[in-house]
Amino acid sequence: MLSSRPEPFLKRGMTMKNKILIAGCLIASLLLGLWILEAQGGPIRARSAVLDFQARGTNIKPWTLARTTYVDTNDTTPDPNGMTWQAAEGSYCALHSEQSSISIAFYCYGDGVGDGDPTSGSFDVNIYLVEPYGGWERIASITCAVGEMELTHCPYDGTQINSGSLDPNESYKWVEGSFTDNLNDATAWPAQVTFSGRTNGIGRLTLDPLGAAGVVILIDNMSGITRVYPLMKDR
């Protein structure tokens, strides 16, 4: 009888020891996990702050060609009866939902008879916005003049276009600011259309497209220039 008494005490001792061991392991694991999180907390927070800053910053947006190619002949003024959604399909430069603001600009080449300096040349532009399944709404009518600011690279693909190998009178020049507003109608579009730029600088027309599906840019009354390159970029 005496030999059977220690067994329960031995079992109870082992059980208590196991509990203490398990608890110790859990506490050690918890402390190790907290230490790792603390050690990584600084870099993680710093990285998140950088990403957040970049999200709020202004992204660099390239110019895009606002038509399928340059313009070398005057466009025909569209008939109001033909300014429909069906007629617009395939005619406009597509816009997307993230474009809360766009700028339109131009550069030119040639003197109107071929190669040559386009400086002091001019042309007129009519700009239309097309909302989904809507018609063409003319939101601007402007006159543009070519200044002296020269281009060495194509604004929409970065190709070198005037490396100094061209004839001195053969060059590409920016259309200067500010454009002449011929429409002068603040009610033409719900958002304000603004003009910016200086003489011999880069002229820009900027607006909020307000969810329009596309923009149509038509050019006429070309004088003293051979080609016009319409450009557009997000803001």
Protein backbone atom coordinates (compact mmCIF):
# COMPACT_ATOMS: atom_id res chain seq x y z
CA MET A 1 0.00 0.00 0.00
CA LEU A 2 2.83 2.33 0.80
CA SER A 3 4.42 1.68 -2.63
CA SER A 4 1.28 2.75 -4.49
CA ARG A 5 0.97 6.19 -2.87
CA PRO A 6 3.82 8.04 -4.62
CA GLU A 7 2.39 7.41 -8.12
CA PRO A 8 -0.41 10.02 -7.96
CA PHE A 9 2.03 12.56 -6.57
CA LEU A 10 4.47 11.80 -9.42
CA LYS A 11 1.76 12.27 -12.06
CA ARG A 12 0.64 15.53 -10.51
CA GLY A 13 4.24 16.75 -10.47
CA MET A 14 4.78 15.96 -14.18
CA THR A 15 1.53 17.66 -15.14
CA MET A 16 2.44 20.85 -13.33
CA LYS A 17 5.89 20.80 -14.87
CA ASN A 18 4.45 20.44 -18.37
CA LYS A 19 2.06 23.31 -17.78
CA ILE A 20 4.87 25.55 -16.64
CA LEU A 21 6.99 24.55 -19.63
CA ILE A 22 4.19 25.17 -22.12
CA ALA A 23 3.34 28.54 -20.56
CA GLY A 24 6.99 29.52 -20.71
CA CYS A 25 7.20 28.62 -24.38
CA LEU A 26 4.07 30.64 -25.18
CA ILE A 27 5.37 33.71 -23.36
CA ALA A 28 8.74 33.43 -25.10
CA SER A 29 7.06 33.13 -28.51
CA LEU A 30 4.87 36.14 -27.81
CA LEU A 31 7.83 38.24 -26.72
CA LEU A 32 9.81 37.20 -29.78
CA GLY A 33 6.91 38.07 -32.07
CA LEU A 34 6.52 41.49 -30.46
CA TRP A 35 10.24 42.13 -30.80
CA ILE A 36 10.16 41.25 -34.52
CA LEU A 37 7.17 43.51 -35.16
CA GLU A 38 8.82 46.36 -33.31
CA ALA A 39 12.05 45.85 -35.22
CA GLN A 40 10.18 45.95 -38.55
CA GLY A 41 7.72 48.65 -37.58
CA GLY A 42 9.99 51.57 -38.45
CA PRO A 43 10.82 50.55 -42.03
CA ILE A 44 7.22 49.50 -42.73
CA ARG A 45 5.85 52.81 -41.52
CA ALA A 46 8.47 54.73 -43.49
CA ARG A 47 7.69 52.77 -46.65
CA SER A 48 3.96 53.41 -46.30
CA ALA A 49 4.59 57.11 -45.80
CA VAL A 50 6.66 57.28 -48.99
CA LEU A 51 3.98 55.52 -51.04
CA ASP A 52 1.33 57.81 -49.59
CA PHE A 53 3.40 60.85 -50.51
CA GLN A 54 3.88 59.60 -54.04
CA ALA A 55 0.15 58.99 -54.41
CA ARG A 56 -0.52 62.63 -53.51
CA GLY A 57 2.24 63.98 -55.79
CA THR A 58 1.90 65.12 -59.41
CA ASN A 59 2.82 62.38 -61.85
CA ILE A 60 4.89 63.14 -64.94
CA LYS A 61 2.54 62.83 -67.92
CA PRO A 62 3.83 62.76 -71.52
CA TRP A 63 2.22 64.50 -74.46
CA THR A 64 0.19 62.33 -76.84
CA LEU A 65 -0.71 63.05 -80.45
CA ALA A 66 -4.32 64.25 -80.39
CA ARG A 67 -4.99 63.04 -83.93
CA THR A 68 -3.84 59.97 -85.83
CA THR A 69 -1.24 62.08 -87.63
CA TYR A 70 -0.26 65.69 -88.34
CA VAL A 71 -2.56 68.09 -90.21
CA ASP A 72 -1.35 69.44 -93.57
CA THR A 73 -4.65 70.52 -95.16
CA ASN A 74 -7.52 72.56 -93.80
CA ASP A 75 -10.29 70.58 -92.13
CA THR A 76 -13.87 71.02 -93.28
CA THR A 77 -16.23 72.67 -90.82
CA PRO A 78 -18.75 69.98 -89.81
CA ASP A 79 -22.46 70.44 -90.45
CA PRO A 80 -24.44 70.57 -87.17
CA ASN A 81 -26.71 67.83 -88.50
CA GLY A 82 -23.68 65.57 -88.85
CA MET A 83 -22.24 66.19 -85.40
CA THR A 84 -23.73 63.01 -83.97
CA TRP A 85 -22.38 60.21 -81.80
CA GLN A 86 -22.28 57.91 -84.83
CA ALA A 87 -20.23 60.45 -86.79
CA ALA A 88 -17.93 60.95 -83.79
CA GLU A 89 -16.94 57.31 -83.50
CA GLY A 90 -13.50 56.96 -85.00
CA SER A 91 -13.12 60.73 -85.32
CA TYR A 92 -12.26 61.68 -81.76
CA CYS A 93 -9.22 61.23 -79.58
CA ALA A 94 -10.45 58.97 -76.77
CA LEU A 95 -10.47 60.18 -73.16
CA HIS A 96 -10.58 58.03 -70.03
CA SER A 97 -12.22 58.37 -66.63
CA GLU A 98 -9.00 59.30 -64.79
CA GLN A 99 -8.49 62.47 -66.82
CA SER A 100 -9.76 65.17 -64.49
CA SER A 101 -7.91 67.81 -66.49
CA ILE A 102 -6.35 67.93 -69.97
CA SER A 103 -4.14 70.43 -71.78
CA ILE A 104 -4.03 70.91 -75.56
CA ALA A 105 -1.02 72.39 -77.37
CA PHE A 106 0.53 72.44 -80.86
CA TYR A 107 3.81 72.55 -82.72
CA CYS A 108 4.43 73.16 -86.41
CA TYR A 109 6.83 72.42 -89.23
CA GLY A 110 7.53 74.14 -92.56
CA ASP A 111 6.69 77.53 -94.02
CA GLY A 112 3.58 76.61 -95.99
CA VAL A 113 5.29 75.68 -99.25
CA GLY A 114 7.35 72.79 -97.91
CA ASP A 115 10.48 72.89 -95.78
CA GLY A 116 11.22 76.11 -93.97
CA ASP A 117 10.72 78.04 -90.77
CA PRO A 118 7.11 78.09 -89.48
CA THR A 119 7.72 81.07 -87.17
CA SER A 120 4.96 83.70 -87.52
CA GLY A 121 2.68 81.19 -89.21
CA SER A 122 -0.90 80.89 -87.88
CA PHE A 123 -4.02 78.76 -87.98
CA ASP A 124 -7.47 78.47 -86.40
CA VAL A 125 -8.68 75.60 -84.21
CA ASN A 126 -12.15 74.43 -83.21
CA ILE A 127 -12.26 72.02 -80.29
CA TYR A 128 -15.24 69.77 -79.52
CA LEU A 129 -15.98 67.41 -76.64
CA VAL A 130 -18.14 64.35 -77.21
CA GLU A 131 -19.96 62.78 -74.27
CA PRO A 132 -20.99 59.10 -74.43
CA TYR A 133 -23.74 58.73 -77.05
CA GLY A 134 -23.92 62.52 -77.30
CA GLY A 135 -23.12 65.06 -80.03
CA TRP A 136 -20.13 67.30 -80.69
CA GLU A 137 -20.09 70.28 -78.35
CA ARG A 138 -17.80 73.11 -79.43
CA ILE A 139 -16.06 74.29 -76.28
CA ALA A 140 -13.34 76.46 -77.84
CA SER A 141 -12.53 78.35 -81.04
CA ILE A 142 -9.04 79.82 -81.09
CA THR A 143 -6.39 81.39 -83.31
CA CYS A 144 -2.83 80.16 -82.81
CA ALA A 145 0.49 81.75 -83.76
CA VAL A 146 3.84 79.98 -84.09
CA GLY A 147 6.65 81.39 -81.95
CA GLU A 148 10.44 81.04 -81.94
CA MET A 149 10.76 78.23 -79.39
CA GLU A 150 12.34 75.31 -81.26
CA LEU A 151 12.00 71.56 -80.65
CA THR A 152 14.85 69.06 -80.74
CA HIS A 153 12.70 66.02 -79.85
CA CYS A 154 9.21 64.82 -80.66
CA PRO A 155 7.04 65.58 -77.60
CA TYR A 156 5.04 62.34 -77.73
CA ASP A 157 7.69 59.69 -78.40
CA GLY A 158 11.02 61.38 -77.69
CA THR A 159 12.45 60.88 -81.18
CA GLN A 160 15.12 63.42 -82.08
CA ILE A 161 13.66 65.59 -84.84
CA ASN A 162 16.15 68.45 -85.23
CA SER A 163 19.71 67.53 -84.29
CA GLY A 164 21.34 70.38 -86.20
CA SER A 165 21.65 68.42 -89.44
CA LEU A 166 18.65 70.18 -90.98
CA ASP A 167 18.87 73.29 -93.11
CA PRO A 168 19.05 76.44 -90.89
CA ASN A 169 15.64 77.51 -92.20
CA GLU A 170 14.07 74.10 -91.67
CA SER A 171 12.81 73.62 -88.11
CA TYR A 172 10.05 72.61 -85.74
CA LYS A 173 8.57 75.34 -83.55
CA TRP A 174 6.06 75.45 -80.68
CA VAL A 175 2.83 77.42 -81.00
CA GLU A 176 3.15 80.24 -78.51
CA GLY A 177 0.74 81.48 -75.87
CA SER A 178 -1.64 82.75 -75.19
CA PHE A 179 -4.14 81.62 -77.81
CA THR A 180 -6.69 84.12 -79.08
CA ASP A 181 -10.15 83.21 -77.81
CA ASN A 182 -12.61 83.62 -80.70
CA LEU A 183 -15.54 81.88 -79.02
CA ASN A 184 -15.45 83.97 -75.85
CA ASP A 185 -18.36 82.08 -74.31
CA ALA A 186 -18.05 81.05 -70.66
CA THR A 187 -21.24 78.95 -70.96
CA ALA A 188 -19.96 76.71 -73.77
CA TRP A 189 -18.86 74.05 -71.26
CA PRO A 190 -19.83 73.54 -67.58
CA ALA A 191 -16.15 73.74 -66.51
CA GLN A 192 -13.89 76.71 -67.19
CA VAL A 193 -11.66 76.65 -70.26
CA THR A 194 -8.38 78.44 -69.56
CA PHE A 195 -5.54 79.69 -71.77
CA SER A 196 -1.92 80.00 -70.70
CA GLY A 197 1.56 80.58 -72.10
CA ARG A 198 3.76 83.45 -73.23
CA THR A 199 5.14 84.86 -76.46
CA ASN A 200 7.81 82.48 -77.82
CA GLY A 201 6.80 79.94 -75.17
CA ILE A 202 4.30 77.05 -75.22
CA GLY A 203 0.63 77.92 -75.45
CA ARG A 204 -1.91 75.65 -73.73
CA LEU A 205 -5.66 75.30 -73.51
CA THR A 206 -6.65 73.49 -70.30
CA LEU A 207 -10.04 72.19 -69.18
CA ASP A 208 -11.84 69.50 -67.20
CA PRO A 209 -13.52 67.12 -69.70
CA LEU A 210 -16.11 66.13 -67.05
CA GLY A 211 -16.39 62.54 -68.22
CA ALA A 212 -16.50 63.19 -71.96
CA ALA A 213 -15.66 60.20 -74.15
CA GLY A 214 -13.41 62.06 -76.56
CA VAL A 215 -12.12 65.31 -78.00
CA VAL A 216 -12.22 66.42 -81.65
CA ILE A 217 -9.65 68.99 -82.83
CA LEU A 218 -10.25 70.57 -86.26
CA ILE A 219 -7.79 72.97 -87.91
CA ASP A 220 -8.32 75.46 -90.73
CA ASN A 221 -7.09 78.81 -92.11
CA MET A 222 -3.49 77.53 -92.10
CA SER A 223 -1.06 80.26 -93.17
CA GLY A 224 2.74 80.16 -93.37
CA ILE A 225 3.01 76.57 -92.04
CA THR A 226 3.27 73.18 -93.72
CA ARG A 227 2.19 70.86 -90.91
CA VAL A 228 0.44 71.20 -87.54
CA TYR A 229 0.87 68.61 -84.78
CA PRO A 230 -2.00 68.75 -82.22
CA LEU A 231 -0.99 67.47 -78.77
CA MET A 232 -2.83 66.55 -75.59
CA LYS A 233 -1.74 65.54 -72.08
CA ASP A 234 -3.31 64.67 -68.72
CA ARG A 235 -2.95 67.03 -65.77
